[in-house]
Amino acid sequence: MRRRSFPAVRLALLVAATLAVAGCETMEKLNPFDERKAPLPGDRKPLFPEGVPGVNYGEPPPQPANAPPPVVEQPPEAAQQAAPAAGKTKKRAKAQQQQEQQPAPED
């Protein structure tokens, strides 16, 4: 009977130690050999008493940097020059190629 109670005692001690450590706010106080650091002498003053400069807390956040750029319309001359080159389709190109390959009719 003595052997059966030993694992139960170990389990109870493990649970108690876990609960004791979990209840600690910080682990700094558990080490008895650790030297405590004294706070620096002087008055504590807020760094930015009126808030961080340049940050508007009442405004929504800015748009993300990866937002698509605004669309800029091309001038009419550039659009006309690009239209004939882009206007050729495969069928038109094939028809034009066939016309070039056919011999000219002789009169």
C-alpha atoms as a PDB file:
ATOM      1  CA  MET A   1       0.000   0.000   0.000  1.00  0.00           C
ATOM      2  CA  ARG A   2       2.899   2.279   0.633  1.00  0.00           C
ATOM      3  CA  ARG A   3       4.033   2.088  -3.003  1.00  0.00           C
ATOM      4  CA  ARG A   4       0.650   3.130  -4.344  1.00  0.00           C
ATOM      5  CA  SER A   5       0.461   6.302  -2.252  1.00  0.00           C
ATOM      6  CA  PHE A   6       3.893   7.570  -3.341  1.00  0.00           C
ATOM      7  CA  PRO A   7       2.864   8.490  -6.947  1.00  0.00           C
ATOM      8  CA  ALA A   8      -0.280  10.127  -5.585  1.00  0.00           C
ATOM      9  CA  VAL A   9       1.817  12.256  -3.209  1.00  0.00           C
ATOM     10  CA  ARG A  10       4.133  13.268  -6.054  1.00  0.00           C
ATOM     11  CA  LEU A  11       1.150  14.215  -8.183  1.00  0.00           C
ATOM     12  CA  ALA A  12      -0.347  16.273  -5.337  1.00  0.00           C
ATOM     13  CA  LEU A  13       2.965  18.098  -4.806  1.00  0.00           C
ATOM     14  CA  LEU A  14       3.266  18.774  -8.529  1.00  0.00           C
ATOM     15  CA  VAL A  15      -0.259  20.214  -8.675  1.00  0.00           C
ATOM     16  CA  ALA A  16       0.376  22.374  -5.591  1.00  0.00           C
ATOM     17  CA  ALA A  17       3.664  23.705  -6.997  1.00  0.00           C
ATOM     18  CA  THR A  18       2.018  24.451 -10.350  1.00  0.00           C
ATOM     19  CA  LEU A  19      -0.772  26.398  -8.675  1.00  0.00           C
ATOM     20  CA  ALA A  20       1.718  28.297  -6.498  1.00  0.00           C
ATOM     21  CA  VAL A  21       3.839  29.327  -9.482  1.00  0.00           C
ATOM     22  CA  ALA A  22       0.777  30.225 -11.559  1.00  0.00           C
ATOM     23  CA  GLY A  23      -0.407  32.567  -8.807  1.00  0.00           C
ATOM     24  CA  CYS A  24       2.782  34.633  -8.934  1.00  0.00           C
ATOM     25  CA  GLU A  25       2.567  37.910 -10.794  1.00  0.00           C
ATOM     26  CA  THR A  26       6.185  37.752 -11.892  1.00  0.00           C
ATOM     27  CA  MET A  27       8.880  35.141 -11.652  1.00  0.00           C
ATOM     28  CA  GLU A  28      11.470  37.661 -10.400  1.00  0.00           C
ATOM     29  CA  LYS A  29      10.616  37.126  -6.747  1.00  0.00           C
ATOM     30  CA  LEU A  30      11.174  33.357  -6.877  1.00  0.00           C
ATOM     31  CA  ASN A  31      14.976  33.570  -7.082  1.00  0.00           C
ATOM     32  CA  PRO A  32      16.323  34.317  -3.572  1.00  0.00           C
ATOM     33  CA  PHE A  33      19.873  34.924  -4.878  1.00  0.00           C
ATOM     34  CA  ASP A  34      18.905  37.558  -7.426  1.00  0.00           C
ATOM     35  CA  GLU A  35      19.979  41.101  -6.584  1.00  0.00           C
ATOM     36  CA  ARG A  36      17.151  43.595  -6.783  1.00  0.00           C
ATOM     37  CA  LYS A  37      17.750  46.668  -8.940  1.00  0.00           C
ATOM     38  CA  ALA A  38      16.979  49.941  -7.202  1.00  0.00           C
ATOM     39  CA  PRO A  39      15.012  52.479  -9.260  1.00  0.00           C
ATOM     40  CA  LEU A  40      16.940  55.520 -10.404  1.00  0.00           C
ATOM     41  CA  PRO A  41      16.561  58.558  -8.162  1.00  0.00           C
ATOM     42  CA  GLY A  42      14.663  61.594  -9.426  1.00  0.00           C
ATOM     43  CA  ASP A  43      11.208  62.787 -10.317  1.00  0.00           C
ATOM     44  CA  ARG A  44       9.139  60.912 -12.863  1.00  0.00           C
ATOM     45  CA  LYS A  45       7.658  63.213 -15.508  1.00  0.00           C
ATOM     46  CA  PRO A  46       5.536  62.204 -18.496  1.00  0.00           C
ATOM     47  CA  LEU A  47       7.414  62.341 -21.783  1.00  0.00           C
ATOM     48  CA  PHE A  48       4.444  63.548 -23.858  1.00  0.00           C
ATOM     49  CA  PRO A  49       1.821  64.928 -21.445  1.00  0.00           C
ATOM     50  CA  GLU A  50      -0.486  66.072 -24.269  1.00  0.00           C
ATOM     51  CA  GLY A  51      -0.055  62.991 -26.432  1.00  0.00           C
ATOM     52  CA  VAL A  52       2.426  61.993 -29.099  1.00  0.00           C
ATOM     53  CA  PRO A  53       3.015  64.872 -31.541  1.00  0.00           C
ATOM     54  CA  GLY A  54       1.861  64.155 -35.083  1.00  0.00           C
ATOM     55  CA  VAL A  55      -0.661  61.504 -34.050  1.00  0.00           C
ATOM     56  CA  ASN A  56      -4.312  62.478 -34.344  1.00  0.00           C
ATOM     57  CA  TYR A  57      -6.261  60.099 -32.155  1.00  0.00           C
ATOM     58  CA  GLY A  58      -9.665  61.275 -33.414  1.00  0.00           C
ATOM     59  CA  GLU A  59      -9.006  60.456 -37.094  1.00  0.00           C
ATOM     60  CA  PRO A  60      -9.333  57.070 -38.774  1.00  0.00           C
ATOM     61  CA  PRO A  61      -6.089  55.358 -39.770  1.00  0.00           C
ATOM     62  CA  PRO A  62      -4.661  56.224 -43.205  1.00  0.00           C
ATOM     63  CA  GLN A  63      -5.143  53.953 -46.216  1.00  0.00           C
ATOM     64  CA  PRO A  64      -2.629  51.125 -46.565  1.00  0.00           C
ATOM     65  CA  ALA A  65       0.491  51.725 -48.614  1.00  0.00           C
ATOM     66  CA  ASN A  66      -0.329  48.867 -50.994  1.00  0.00           C
ATOM     67  CA  ALA A  67      -3.588  50.460 -52.173  1.00  0.00           C
ATOM     68  CA  PRO A  68      -3.820  50.677 -55.982  1.00  0.00           C
ATOM     69  CA  PRO A  69      -2.622  53.974 -57.463  1.00  0.00           C
ATOM     70  CA  PRO A  70      -5.202  56.349 -58.923  1.00  0.00           C
ATOM     71  CA  VAL A  71      -5.994  55.846 -62.620  1.00  0.00           C
ATOM     72  CA  VAL A  72      -4.561  58.562 -64.853  1.00  0.00           C
ATOM     73  CA  GLU A  73      -6.231  59.025 -68.233  1.00  0.00           C
ATOM     74  CA  GLN A  74      -4.006  59.151 -71.287  1.00  0.00           C
ATOM     75  CA  PRO A  75      -4.076  62.191 -73.551  1.00  0.00           C
ATOM     76  CA  PRO A  76      -6.206  61.623 -76.710  1.00  0.00           C
ATOM     77  CA  GLU A  77      -3.157  61.531 -79.036  1.00  0.00           C
ATOM     78  CA  ALA A  78      -1.482  58.733 -77.098  1.00  0.00           C
ATOM     79  CA  ALA A  79      -4.742  56.767 -76.992  1.00  0.00           C
ATOM     80  CA  GLN A  80      -5.149  57.015 -80.799  1.00  0.00           C
ATOM     81  CA  GLN A  81      -1.591  55.834 -81.408  1.00  0.00           C
ATOM     82  CA  ALA A  82      -2.044  52.860 -79.104  1.00  0.00           C
ATOM     83  CA  ALA A  83      -5.461  51.915 -80.530  1.00  0.00           C
ATOM     84  CA  PRO A  84      -4.366  50.644 -84.011  1.00  0.00           C
ATOM     85  CA  ALA A  85      -1.593  48.502 -82.561  1.00  0.00           C
ATOM     86  CA  ALA A  86      -3.858  47.021 -79.927  1.00  0.00           C
ATOM     87  CA  GLY A  87      -6.841  46.754 -82.297  1.00  0.00           C
ATOM     88  CA  LYS A  88      -5.411  43.874 -84.375  1.00  0.00           C
ATOM     89  CA  THR A  89      -6.959  40.595 -83.508  1.00  0.00           C
ATOM     90  CA  LYS A  90      -5.733  37.169 -84.433  1.00  0.00           C
ATOM     91  CA  LYS A  91      -8.392  36.805 -87.123  1.00  0.00           C
ATOM     92  CA  ARG A  92      -7.502  40.124 -88.732  1.00  0.00           C
ATOM     93  CA  ALA A  93      -3.802  39.346 -88.651  1.00  0.00           C
ATOM     94  CA  LYS A  94      -4.427  35.916 -90.190  1.00  0.00           C
ATOM     95  CA  ALA A  95      -6.689  37.356 -92.925  1.00  0.00           C
ATOM     96  CA  GLN A  96      -4.100  40.001 -93.764  1.00  0.00           C
ATOM     97  CA  GLN A  97      -1.379  37.356 -93.930  1.00  0.00           C
ATOM     98  CA  GLN A  98      -3.475  35.207 -96.314  1.00  0.00           C
ATOM     99  CA  GLN A  99      -4.112  38.197 -98.593  1.00  0.00           C
ATOM    100  CA  GLU A 100      -0.396  38.879 -98.794  1.00  0.00           C
ATOM    101  CA  GLN A 101       0.326  35.248 -99.708  1.00  0.00           C
ATOM    102  CA  GLN A 102      -2.242  35.081-102.555  1.00  0.00           C
ATOM    103  CA  PRO A 103      -0.824  36.010-105.962  1.00  0.00           C
ATOM    104  CA  ALA A 104      -2.178  39.193-107.500  1.00  0.00           C
ATOM    105  CA  PRO A 105      -4.682  38.585-110.359  1.00  0.00           C
ATOM    106  CA  GLU A 106      -3.198  39.194-113.805  1.00  0.00           C
ATOM    107  CA  ASP A 107      -5.155  41.208-116.354  1.00  0.00           C
END
